Structure formats: structure tokens, C-alpha cells
């Protein structure tokens, strides 16, 4: 989970502060020493750590904190504000072209995830009602063009290509002309990477910039490379005047040093973060929301965004009515599971809930995708009547369902028991809500 080790360390520091009715300068010193160590172990740039800790310490020993009734909470508020400032305060928007398609040039080292990120970006803008086109300008890596074409086909986004015998500059110019002809309002250019930065790579990218007026030059870097990501950003920026950064693999980066250092060291904002391999696993970067996640305060706004984007509101409202009447069926159970899957990995969703890390057993809970697939297979092996009325499922039916789903009778029994328990819980909620407005689904 993103920032997991850093979040654990910081939350332990602040747990001690919350328990104190009054803070002394020595308490603040001790807390700041632990914060410094936590940030350094998270691979945050040393100069950034030094400046950050000095600022937080200066603000924390002021009268506003020391004379407060809740000094521990005040210090946490200051750390939250300074973490947000460190990552850029406000989310950075994409600059749009005044006329013609907005051109986004995707650059980076080999293996950073440029091609996949280009497709993710196209999907993101298409969901917003834009008309994106992808341009295949990586003529060196075997199958790079084919990879982009396959991704474009999956997303129903056009991909412009002239094969691997035409120069990337000519491909970019041809793509721009074609995007204009088809009235596309966005052109995302996937370029070649290298194992390391060299003049040939930079000259090619500079030539593309000269041939096609770009509104955005986004550097794609692997978050898990830590300080190397910051160095790569600095080097690319010296030649290309970057407008922003896309951090990939942030979901697997338990330290978070790159995310906390890039903006402070290079001045370049993080515009998007990759939170998984699928094409929908790209999120705009919100510094304030990320700071809240790090400090265990959750990220309800992103959770709401995901729910609104992936949950069918009409179906959710119909399900709510059935739940109020305790009429939930296994079809509803399956529908809920599908909508949760659409929102992303369950551990990421749980990480957005305030205080989720404090719930015993929740942090260490492993979500097995195979278990979810087995559950789906079992329900789909039932007849419509069995899904509506699980109480009719006798021994012979359970045997048939297990055989049809490729699972065991014990698996079928377990699912039915879980469903019966959830029905009882829903009935209790319904009784609690009698005479009142009742409960509503959170989306």
C-alpha cells in the first residue's frame, strides 16, 4: 500500500502526542526527531527533510499550539498543512490549447511505464468527454507500437502510427495533422525511452517539441526508484522544460520518498499517479488528499469520486430500498461485489477510510482476488430461483452448484452462511431505522 511504512511511523509518533494534555518544547523536539527519521527512511530528499522539520518545529512551539486545549491535534494539523505544501498545495491542471488539439508529450526512461500511462491518460480524458488520440512515436522498442495499438483498441481510442521505419518527428507531425482532420481535441504522444539519459534521446525529444507545439511535457517516473526519480526529473527538466510528472507504481511504494521530494526539489508538480496496472488505475494527484492518507485521516473525497464514477446510482438506490425491507438477494450480493471491484483493489479503498489503520486486523487483511472469483462462480452456478431464495438450496443442490462452479460443497456452505449473516445484520439496521429516515448508501 502507498506510503504504508511512512504512515505507520508518523501515526505512531502522533499517537504519543495525542495522549499528552500539555506539550513541552522537549516533547516537540522528541517528536520531530522521530519525524525526521521516518522521512529519511522513506527516502525523502535530505534537504527537503531538514527544511520540513525546521518549519514544523517553529510553528509547533508557538503560542497557538502550546496554549491550545488540544496541542497534540494542533501539531498534527501543522504537519498535515506542511505535507500538503511540500507536495504542491493545489492540484495541478492540464494546460489546454487555445486552438486545435492539446498536445501532451510523454517522456521518460525505458521501463517507467510511458506506453501504459499514455493509454491510461487517454482513458481518463475520454471519461471526461474529451476526444483523445494516441501517437506511436517509439520506433525502437520491439512491439511498442503494437502494444499501444492493442491498448487503443481496448479503450476505443484511435492510434496514429506510420510504422517503425519513419522518424518520430514525422510521425508526431502526421499525428497532429490527423488529429486536426478528425477534430480530436487531445493528442497524446508516446515516445521512446532509454536505459539511461543520453544526447540522442534528448535531441529527438527536442526535435518533436520544435515540430509540434506541445502544451504539456509529462515525465513518467517509477515511484519505487525513490531519489533516482528526483534526479531523473531534474535531468530531463534541464533539457525539456517539463510541465509535470506522472508517478507510476505508487500503489507498491510503501516509502513514498519520490512523491514527497519531486515538487520541493525540482519545482515540477505531480499531475497524475498510477495506482495499479489496469487502464483505469490512474488518478489526478491531490496533495491535500495524499497528506491526509499519510496521516491516517483517510481520503473520503477520492472515495466519493470513485463511487460516483463506478457505481450505478439507479441500481444502488433500488438496492437500498430492498435492503430497508430486508429483501436482499444473492443477485444483489453479486452486484455489490462487481461494483466494489470496479472501484479498484479493496485494500486501496479501505485505505481511504478515516482511521482504517487503527481497526484491529484490517491493516493486515489480505484481499484474495481468487476468493472473489470463487464467490462469483458459485452464485452464477445457481438458478435464478436459488439466488432469490437461498433457503431452498438443499444438499443435492449444493452438490450441483459446487460441481458447476469448480469449488467444494464447503465453499458453497461458507458463502450461504456469510449471506445469511449479512441478511440478519441488514434486518437489524432496518429495525433501528424504523420511524426514522433510515440509512442510505454512501453514494
Protein backbone atom coordinates (compact mmCIF):
# COMPACT_ATOMS: atom_id res chain seq x y z
CA UNK A 1 0.00 0.00 0.00
CA UNK A 2 1.28 3.50 -0.87
CA UNK A 3 3.21 5.20 1.96
CA UNK A 4 2.43 2.31 4.31
CA UNK A 5 5.73 2.28 6.25
CA UNK A 6 5.90 6.10 6.45
CA UNK A 7 2.25 6.35 7.50
CA UNK A 8 2.76 3.76 10.26
CA UNK A 9 5.80 5.60 11.64
CA UNK A 10 4.16 9.04 11.62
CA UNK A 11 0.90 7.78 13.10
CA UNK A 12 2.82 6.18 15.99
CA UNK A 13 4.62 9.49 16.64
CA UNK A 14 1.37 11.43 16.77
CA UNK A 15 -0.37 8.81 18.89
CA UNK A 16 2.07 9.73 21.68
CA UNK A 17 1.38 13.44 21.22
CA UNK A 18 -2.40 12.99 21.38
CA UNK A 19 -2.06 11.35 24.78
CA UNK A 20 -0.45 14.42 26.34
CA UNK A 21 -2.66 17.12 27.87
CA UNK A 22 0.13 19.66 27.54
CA UNK A 23 3.20 19.76 25.32
CA UNK A 24 6.65 20.98 26.29
CA UNK A 25 9.37 22.10 23.82
CA UNK A 26 11.12 18.82 24.72
CA UNK A 27 8.05 16.82 23.63
CA UNK A 28 8.08 18.63 20.29
CA UNK A 29 11.86 18.06 19.90
CA UNK A 30 11.44 14.35 20.50
CA UNK A 31 8.53 14.08 18.08
CA UNK A 32 10.43 15.99 15.38
CA UNK A 33 13.44 13.68 15.75
CA UNK A 34 11.19 10.71 15.06
CA UNK A 35 9.51 12.52 12.14
CA UNK A 36 12.96 13.28 10.68
CA UNK A 37 13.99 9.62 10.91
CA UNK A 38 10.69 8.46 9.41
CA UNK A 39 11.08 10.79 6.40
CA UNK A 40 14.72 9.86 5.83
CA UNK A 41 13.88 6.15 5.97
CA UNK A 42 11.12 6.86 3.44
CA UNK A 43 13.89 8.06 1.07
CA UNK A 44 12.78 11.70 1.14
CA UNK A 45 15.48 14.13 -0.01
CA UNK A 46 17.72 15.18 2.92
CA UNK A 47 17.40 18.93 2.25
CA UNK A 48 13.63 18.59 1.99
CA UNK A 49 13.52 16.76 5.35
CA UNK A 50 15.70 19.37 7.04
CA UNK A 51 13.55 22.28 5.81
CA UNK A 52 10.28 20.48 6.55
CA UNK A 53 11.20 19.56 10.14
CA UNK A 54 12.51 23.08 10.88
CA UNK A 55 9.26 24.67 9.64
CA UNK A 56 7.02 22.27 11.58
CA UNK A 57 9.09 22.70 14.74
CA UNK A 58 9.00 26.51 14.52
CA UNK A 59 5.23 26.52 14.11
CA UNK A 60 4.69 23.84 16.79
CA UNK A 61 6.41 25.71 19.64
CA UNK A 62 4.34 28.85 19.05
CA UNK A 63 1.68 30.13 21.44
CA UNK A 64 -1.09 28.89 19.12
CA UNK A 65 -0.06 25.28 19.92
CA UNK A 66 1.38 25.49 23.43
CA UNK A 67 -1.66 27.31 24.83
CA UNK A 68 -4.17 25.16 22.95
CA UNK A 69 -6.52 22.78 24.77
CA UNK A 70 -5.53 20.08 22.25
CA UNK A 71 -1.84 20.72 21.48
CA UNK A 72 -1.27 17.25 20.01
CA UNK A 73 -4.04 17.77 17.46
CA UNK A 74 -2.63 21.20 16.60
CA UNK A 75 0.78 19.72 15.81
CA UNK A 76 -0.85 17.09 13.57
CA UNK A 77 -2.76 19.90 11.80
CA UNK A 78 0.53 21.73 11.18
CA UNK A 79 2.21 18.57 9.83
CA UNK A 80 -0.79 17.98 7.56
CA UNK A 81 -0.57 21.54 6.19
CA UNK A 82 3.21 21.35 5.66
CA UNK A 83 3.00 17.93 3.97
CA UNK A 84 0.37 19.37 1.62
CA UNK A 85 2.60 22.38 0.88
CA UNK A 86 5.56 20.06 0.27
CA UNK A 87 3.63 18.25 -2.46
CA UNK A 88 2.32 21.43 -4.09
CA UNK A 89 -0.76 22.58 -2.12
CA UNK A 90 -3.25 22.67 -5.02
CA UNK A 91 -3.74 20.01 -7.72
CA UNK A 92 -2.05 20.95 -10.99
CA UNK A 93 -4.32 21.09 -14.03
CA UNK A 94 -3.55 20.18 -17.65
CA UNK A 95 -2.99 23.24 -19.87
CA UNK A 96 -5.31 23.20 -22.87
CA UNK A 97 -4.53 24.53 -26.35
CA UNK A 98 -6.38 27.64 -27.45
CA UNK A 99 -6.96 26.19 -30.93
CA UNK A 100 -6.52 22.67 -32.26
CA UNK A 101 -5.75 19.57 -30.22
CA UNK A 102 -3.99 19.84 -26.86
CA UNK A 103 -0.64 18.05 -27.27
CA UNK A 104 0.81 16.02 -24.38
CA UNK A 105 4.33 14.66 -24.89
CA UNK A 106 5.08 11.63 -22.71
CA UNK A 107 8.79 11.24 -21.90
CA UNK A 108 10.88 9.09 -19.56
CA UNK A 109 13.36 6.26 -19.20
CA UNK A 110 12.76 2.76 -20.51
CA UNK A 111 10.57 0.69 -18.22
CA UNK A 112 8.99 3.66 -16.46
CA UNK A 113 5.56 2.87 -17.92
CA UNK A 114 5.18 5.55 -20.62
CA UNK A 115 3.11 3.47 -23.05
CA UNK A 116 0.71 2.18 -20.39
CA UNK A 117 0.46 5.66 -18.83
CA UNK A 118 -0.32 7.15 -22.27
CA UNK A 119 -3.24 4.75 -22.62
CA UNK A 120 -4.39 5.42 -19.03
CA UNK A 121 -4.31 9.15 -19.73
CA UNK A 122 -6.36 8.67 -22.91
CA UNK A 123 -8.95 6.71 -20.95
CA UNK A 124 -9.05 9.34 -18.21
CA UNK A 125 -9.74 12.17 -20.68
CA UNK A 126 -12.23 10.10 -22.68
CA UNK A 127 -14.22 9.54 -19.47
CA UNK A 128 -14.29 13.33 -19.11
CA UNK A 129 -15.91 13.69 -22.51
CA UNK A 130 -12.74 14.60 -24.40
CA UNK A 131 -11.70 13.14 -27.79
CA UNK A 132 -8.14 11.80 -27.39
CA UNK A 133 -5.82 10.30 -30.00
CA UNK A 134 -2.63 8.35 -29.27
CA UNK A 135 0.51 8.67 -31.39
CA UNK A 136 3.05 5.81 -31.55
CA UNK A 137 6.46 7.51 -31.74
CA UNK A 138 8.50 4.78 -30.07
CA UNK A 139 10.05 3.14 -33.14
CA UNK A 140 12.91 1.44 -31.27
CA UNK A 141 11.44 -0.86 -28.63
CA UNK A 142 10.18 -4.12 -30.15
CA UNK A 143 6.37 -4.33 -30.11
CA UNK A 144 5.98 -0.81 -28.60
CA UNK A 145 3.73 0.26 -31.48
CA UNK A 146 1.70 -2.96 -31.27
CA UNK A 147 1.30 -2.53 -27.50
CA UNK A 148 -0.12 0.96 -27.95
CA UNK A 149 -2.43 -0.22 -30.75
CA UNK A 150 -3.79 -3.06 -28.59
CA UNK A 151 -4.40 -0.68 -25.68
CA UNK A 152 -6.05 1.85 -28.01
CA UNK A 153 -8.33 -0.87 -29.39
CA UNK A 154 -9.36 -1.91 -25.87
CA UNK A 155 -10.20 1.70 -25.00
CA UNK A 156 -11.73 2.52 -28.41
CA UNK A 157 -9.22 5.36 -28.80
CA UNK A 158 -7.60 5.91 -32.24
CA UNK A 159 -3.85 5.28 -32.50
CA UNK A 160 -1.80 7.05 -35.20
CA UNK A 161 1.22 5.12 -36.49
CA UNK A 162 3.49 5.17 -39.54
CA UNK A 163 5.39 2.02 -38.57
CA UNK A 164 8.96 1.78 -37.30
CA UNK A 165 10.71 3.00 -40.46
CA UNK A 166 9.55 6.63 -40.20
CA UNK A 167 11.24 9.17 -37.93
CA UNK A 168 9.44 10.01 -34.66
CA UNK A 169 9.36 13.70 -35.70
CA UNK A 170 7.47 12.90 -38.92
CA UNK A 171 5.11 10.58 -37.01
CA UNK A 172 4.35 13.36 -34.49
CA UNK A 173 3.66 15.87 -37.30
CA UNK A 174 1.46 13.36 -39.13
CA UNK A 175 -0.42 12.57 -35.91
CA UNK A 176 -1.12 16.26 -35.27
CA UNK A 177 -2.46 16.74 -38.80
CA UNK A 178 -4.66 13.64 -38.46
CA UNK A 179 -5.94 14.75 -35.03
CA UNK A 180 -6.93 18.10 -36.56
CA UNK A 181 -8.59 16.37 -39.51
CA UNK A 182 -10.65 14.12 -37.20
CA UNK A 183 -11.47 17.05 -34.86
CA UNK A 184 -9.73 15.35 -31.92
CA UNK A 185 -9.18 17.74 -29.02
CA UNK A 186 -6.26 15.88 -27.44
CA UNK A 187 -3.11 14.23 -28.84
CA UNK A 188 -1.01 12.06 -26.51
CA UNK A 189 2.43 11.26 -27.96
CA UNK A 190 4.16 8.13 -26.68
CA UNK A 191 7.94 8.46 -27.18
CA UNK A 192 10.94 6.15 -26.89
CA UNK A 193 12.88 5.71 -23.67
CA UNK A 194 16.44 4.68 -22.92
CA UNK A 195 18.11 2.68 -20.18
CA UNK A 196 19.82 5.96 -19.24
CA UNK A 197 19.64 9.58 -20.42
CA UNK A 198 21.74 10.38 -23.50
CA UNK A 199 22.08 13.22 -26.02
CA UNK A 200 20.47 11.25 -28.85
CA UNK A 201 17.30 10.73 -26.81
CA UNK A 202 17.12 14.37 -25.73
CA UNK A 203 17.78 15.73 -29.24
CA UNK A 204 14.96 13.57 -30.62
CA UNK A 205 12.54 14.82 -27.97
CA UNK A 206 13.62 18.44 -28.56
CA UNK A 207 13.00 17.95 -32.31
CA UNK A 208 9.47 16.66 -31.63
CA UNK A 209 8.80 19.70 -29.41
CA UNK A 210 10.04 22.00 -32.19
CA UNK A 211 7.89 20.26 -34.83
CA UNK A 212 4.68 20.06 -32.80
CA UNK A 213 3.74 22.75 -30.32
CA UNK A 214 3.24 20.94 -27.01
CA UNK A 215 1.08 22.23 -24.16
CA UNK A 216 2.33 19.58 -21.74
CA UNK A 217 5.60 17.64 -21.41
CA UNK A 218 4.96 14.99 -18.77
CA UNK A 219 7.80 12.90 -17.36
CA UNK A 220 6.78 9.35 -16.41
CA UNK A 221 8.85 8.03 -13.50
CA UNK A 222 8.69 4.94 -11.31
CA UNK A 223 7.80 6.00 -7.75
CA UNK A 224 9.63 2.97 -6.36
CA UNK A 225 13.01 4.33 -7.52
CA UNK A 226 12.85 6.98 -4.77
CA UNK A 227 15.58 9.62 -5.04
CA UNK A 228 16.55 8.38 -8.51
CA UNK A 229 13.13 9.58 -9.68
CA UNK A 230 14.00 13.08 -8.44
CA UNK A 231 17.39 13.03 -10.20
CA UNK A 232 15.80 11.88 -13.47
CA UNK A 233 13.23 14.70 -13.20
CA UNK A 234 16.00 17.27 -12.72
CA UNK A 235 17.99 15.98 -15.71
CA UNK A 236 15.02 15.87 -18.10
CA UNK A 237 13.88 19.30 -16.97
CA UNK A 238 17.25 20.87 -17.82
CA UNK A 239 16.69 19.99 -21.49
CA UNK A 240 12.93 19.91 -21.97
CA UNK A 241 11.23 22.35 -19.58
CA UNK A 242 8.87 19.77 -18.12
CA UNK A 243 5.36 20.84 -17.13
CA UNK A 244 4.73 17.99 -14.73
CA UNK A 245 5.31 14.42 -13.59
CA UNK A 246 3.34 11.17 -13.64
CA UNK A 247 4.40 8.85 -10.82
CA UNK A 248 3.77 5.19 -11.68
CA UNK A 249 3.59 2.21 -9.29
CA UNK A 250 2.68 4.44 -6.33
CA UNK A 251 0.43 1.64 -5.06
CA UNK A 252 3.54 -0.50 -4.47
CA UNK A 253 5.71 2.26 -2.97
CA UNK A 254 5.50 1.81 0.81
CA UNK A 255 8.05 4.57 1.41
CA UNK A 256 6.84 7.50 -0.72
CA UNK A 257 10.12 9.43 -0.95
CA UNK A 258 9.66 10.39 -4.60
CA UNK A 259 6.15 11.79 -4.10
CA UNK A 260 7.33 13.91 -1.17
CA UNK A 261 10.50 15.16 -2.87
CA UNK A 262 9.77 15.82 -6.57
CA UNK A 263 7.91 19.12 -6.24
CA UNK A 264 10.14 20.50 -3.47
CA UNK A 265 13.40 19.71 -5.29
CA UNK A 266 12.51 20.29 -8.94
CA UNK A 267 9.56 22.69 -8.72
CA UNK A 268 7.64 20.41 -11.10
CA UNK A 269 4.17 19.31 -9.91
CA UNK A 270 2.98 15.72 -9.82
CA UNK A 271 -0.08 15.76 -12.06
CA UNK A 272 -1.13 12.09 -12.01
CA UNK A 273 -0.26 8.91 -10.11
CA UNK A 274 -0.51 5.32 -11.28
CA UNK A 275 -2.19 3.10 -8.67
CA UNK A 276 -2.16 -0.24 -10.48
CA UNK A 277 -1.67 -1.98 -13.82
CA UNK A 278 -5.18 -1.66 -15.27
CA UNK A 279 -6.03 1.21 -17.62
CA UNK A 280 -8.40 2.75 -15.07
CA UNK A 281 -5.69 2.87 -12.38
CA UNK A 282 -4.66 6.49 -12.92
CA UNK A 283 -5.67 9.28 -10.54
CA UNK A 284 -5.17 13.04 -10.56
CA UNK A 285 -2.74 13.94 -7.79
CA UNK A 286 -4.27 15.92 -4.90
CA UNK A 287 -1.58 16.99 -2.38
CA UNK A 288 -4.08 17.61 0.43
CA UNK A 289 -5.76 14.22 -0.03
CA UNK A 290 -2.41 12.41 -0.12
CA UNK A 291 -1.28 14.18 3.08
CA UNK A 292 -4.50 13.02 4.77
CA UNK A 293 -3.86 9.43 3.69
CA UNK A 294 -0.30 9.53 5.06
CA UNK A 295 -1.54 10.77 8.45
CA UNK A 296 -4.29 8.13 8.66
CA UNK A 297 -7.12 10.64 8.14
CA UNK A 298 -8.42 8.80 5.09
CA UNK A 299 -9.42 10.25 1.73
CA UNK A 300 -13.19 10.44 1.58
CA UNK A 301 -13.24 12.80 -1.42
CA UNK A 302 -11.34 10.35 -3.66
CA UNK A 303 -13.55 7.53 -2.37
CA UNK A 304 -16.65 9.54 -3.38
CA UNK A 305 -15.10 10.28 -6.80
CA UNK A 306 -14.51 6.55 -7.35
CA UNK A 307 -18.03 5.67 -6.22
CA UNK A 308 -19.61 8.26 -8.50
CA UNK A 309 -17.53 7.09 -11.47
CA UNK A 310 -18.08 3.34 -10.98
CA UNK A 311 -21.35 2.82 -9.14
CA UNK A 312 -24.68 2.74 -10.98
CA UNK A 313 -26.71 5.19 -8.88
CA UNK A 314 -30.09 3.85 -10.01
CA UNK A 315 -29.14 0.27 -9.12
CA UNK A 316 -27.69 1.45 -5.80
CA UNK A 317 -30.95 3.22 -4.91
CA UNK A 318 -33.01 0.16 -5.86
CA UNK A 319 -30.73 -2.00 -3.74
CA UNK A 320 -31.09 0.42 -0.83
CA UNK A 321 -34.88 0.03 -0.94
CA UNK A 322 -34.58 -3.77 -0.89
CA UNK A 323 -32.08 -3.60 1.97
CA UNK A 324 -34.50 -1.46 4.00
CA UNK A 325 -37.14 -4.13 3.55
CA UNK A 326 -34.59 -6.91 4.25
CA UNK A 327 -35.20 -8.28 0.74
CA UNK A 328 -31.59 -8.51 -0.37
CA UNK A 329 -30.86 -11.48 -2.69
CA UNK A 330 -27.69 -13.21 -3.86
CA UNK A 331 -28.09 -11.27 -7.13
CA UNK A 332 -27.74 -8.08 -5.06
CA UNK A 333 -24.76 -9.58 -3.26
CA UNK A 334 -23.09 -10.27 -6.64
CA UNK A 335 -23.96 -6.78 -7.91
CA UNK A 336 -22.38 -5.19 -4.83
CA UNK A 337 -19.23 -7.23 -5.32
CA UNK A 338 -18.98 -6.21 -9.00
CA UNK A 339 -19.35 -2.52 -8.16
CA UNK A 340 -16.70 -2.77 -5.45
CA UNK A 341 -14.33 -4.43 -7.93
CA UNK A 342 -14.92 -1.58 -10.38
CA UNK A 343 -13.78 0.92 -7.75
CA UNK A 344 -10.35 -0.72 -7.50
CA UNK A 345 -8.39 -3.02 -5.16
CA UNK A 346 -10.15 -3.37 -1.81
CA UNK A 347 -7.01 -2.56 0.22
CA UNK A 348 -6.80 0.82 -1.56
CA UNK A 349 -10.48 1.52 -0.89
CA UNK A 350 -10.06 0.64 2.81
CA UNK A 351 -7.02 2.93 2.97
CA UNK A 352 -9.28 5.87 2.07
CA UNK A 353 -11.47 5.36 5.13
CA UNK A 354 -10.54 7.61 8.08
CA UNK A 355 -8.97 5.62 10.89
CA UNK A 356 -8.98 2.35 8.93
CA UNK A 357 -5.40 1.68 10.02
CA UNK A 358 -6.49 1.66 13.68
CA UNK A 359 -9.07 -1.09 13.22
CA UNK A 360 -7.62 -4.31 14.56
CA UNK A 361 -6.85 -6.82 11.81
CA UNK A 362 -7.93 -4.51 8.97
CA UNK A 363 -4.44 -3.27 8.11
CA UNK A 364 -3.07 -6.78 7.74
CA UNK A 365 -6.08 -8.10 5.88
CA UNK A 366 -5.11 -9.63 2.55
CA UNK A 367 -7.72 -9.41 -0.19
CA UNK A 368 -7.56 -12.57 -2.30
CA UNK A 369 -8.89 -11.94 -5.82
CA UNK A 370 -9.29 -15.72 -6.23
CA UNK A 371 -11.78 -15.82 -3.33
CA UNK A 372 -13.87 -13.16 -5.03
CA UNK A 373 -13.74 -15.10 -8.30
CA UNK A 374 -14.87 -18.28 -6.48
CA UNK A 375 -17.77 -16.41 -4.87
CA UNK A 376 -18.85 -15.09 -8.26
CA UNK A 377 -18.59 -18.56 -9.82
CA UNK A 378 -20.72 -20.11 -7.04
CA UNK A 379 -23.51 -17.52 -7.38
CA UNK A 380 -23.52 -17.77 -11.18
CA UNK A 381 -23.86 -21.57 -10.90
CA UNK A 382 -27.18 -21.14 -9.07
CA UNK A 383 -30.56 -20.93 -10.75
CA UNK A 384 -32.41 -17.56 -10.65
CA UNK A 385 -34.80 -19.03 -8.07
CA UNK A 386 -31.90 -20.21 -5.86
CA UNK A 387 -30.33 -16.74 -5.97
CA UNK A 388 -33.66 -15.20 -4.94
CA UNK A 389 -34.40 -17.79 -2.22
CA UNK A 390 -31.16 -19.39 -0.90
CA UNK A 391 -33.18 -21.23 1.77
CA UNK A 392 -34.32 -23.77 -0.89
CA UNK A 393 -30.71 -24.86 -1.55
CA UNK A 394 -30.63 -28.39 -0.10
CA UNK A 395 -27.83 -30.97 -0.13
CA UNK A 396 -28.26 -32.13 -3.74
CA UNK A 397 -28.46 -28.53 -4.99
CA UNK A 398 -25.27 -27.64 -3.09
CA UNK A 399 -23.50 -30.59 -4.70
CA UNK A 400 -24.62 -29.44 -8.17
CA UNK A 401 -23.60 -25.81 -7.52
CA UNK A 402 -20.15 -26.88 -6.27
CA UNK A 403 -19.60 -29.04 -9.35
CA UNK A 404 -20.78 -26.27 -11.69
CA UNK A 405 -18.53 -23.64 -10.12
CA UNK A 406 -15.44 -25.80 -9.74
CA UNK A 407 -15.49 -25.37 -5.96
CA UNK A 408 -16.26 -27.60 -2.97
CA UNK A 409 -19.51 -28.10 -1.03
CA UNK A 410 -17.73 -26.48 1.94
CA UNK A 411 -17.16 -23.34 -0.17
CA UNK A 412 -20.85 -23.21 -1.08
CA UNK A 413 -21.85 -23.69 2.56
CA UNK A 414 -19.50 -20.90 3.64
CA UNK A 415 -20.94 -18.44 1.11
CA UNK A 416 -24.55 -19.21 2.09
CA UNK A 417 -23.67 -18.78 5.78
CA UNK A 418 -21.98 -15.43 5.09
CA UNK A 419 -25.04 -14.29 3.14
CA UNK A 420 -27.42 -15.32 5.94
CA UNK A 421 -25.31 -13.39 8.46
CA UNK A 422 -25.35 -10.29 6.28
CA UNK A 423 -29.14 -10.58 5.94
CA UNK A 424 -29.51 -10.66 9.75
CA UNK A 425 -27.29 -7.57 10.05
CA UNK A 426 -29.33 -5.71 7.42
CA UNK A 427 -32.54 -6.65 9.28
CA UNK A 428 -31.12 -5.17 12.50
CA UNK A 429 -30.27 -1.94 10.69
CA UNK A 430 -33.74 -1.83 9.24
CA UNK A 431 -35.32 -2.18 12.72
CA UNK A 432 -33.04 0.55 14.08
CA UNK A 433 -34.21 2.85 11.31
CA UNK A 434 -37.96 2.32 11.85
CA UNK A 435 -39.77 5.58 12.35
CA UNK A 436 -36.74 7.47 11.11
CA UNK A 437 -35.35 8.28 7.70
CA UNK A 438 -33.34 5.06 7.76
CA UNK A 439 -29.87 4.55 6.37
CA UNK A 440 -28.58 5.49 2.93
CA UNK A 441 -25.81 4.08 0.82
CA UNK A 442 -22.78 6.43 0.79
CA UNK A 443 -23.00 7.26 -2.93
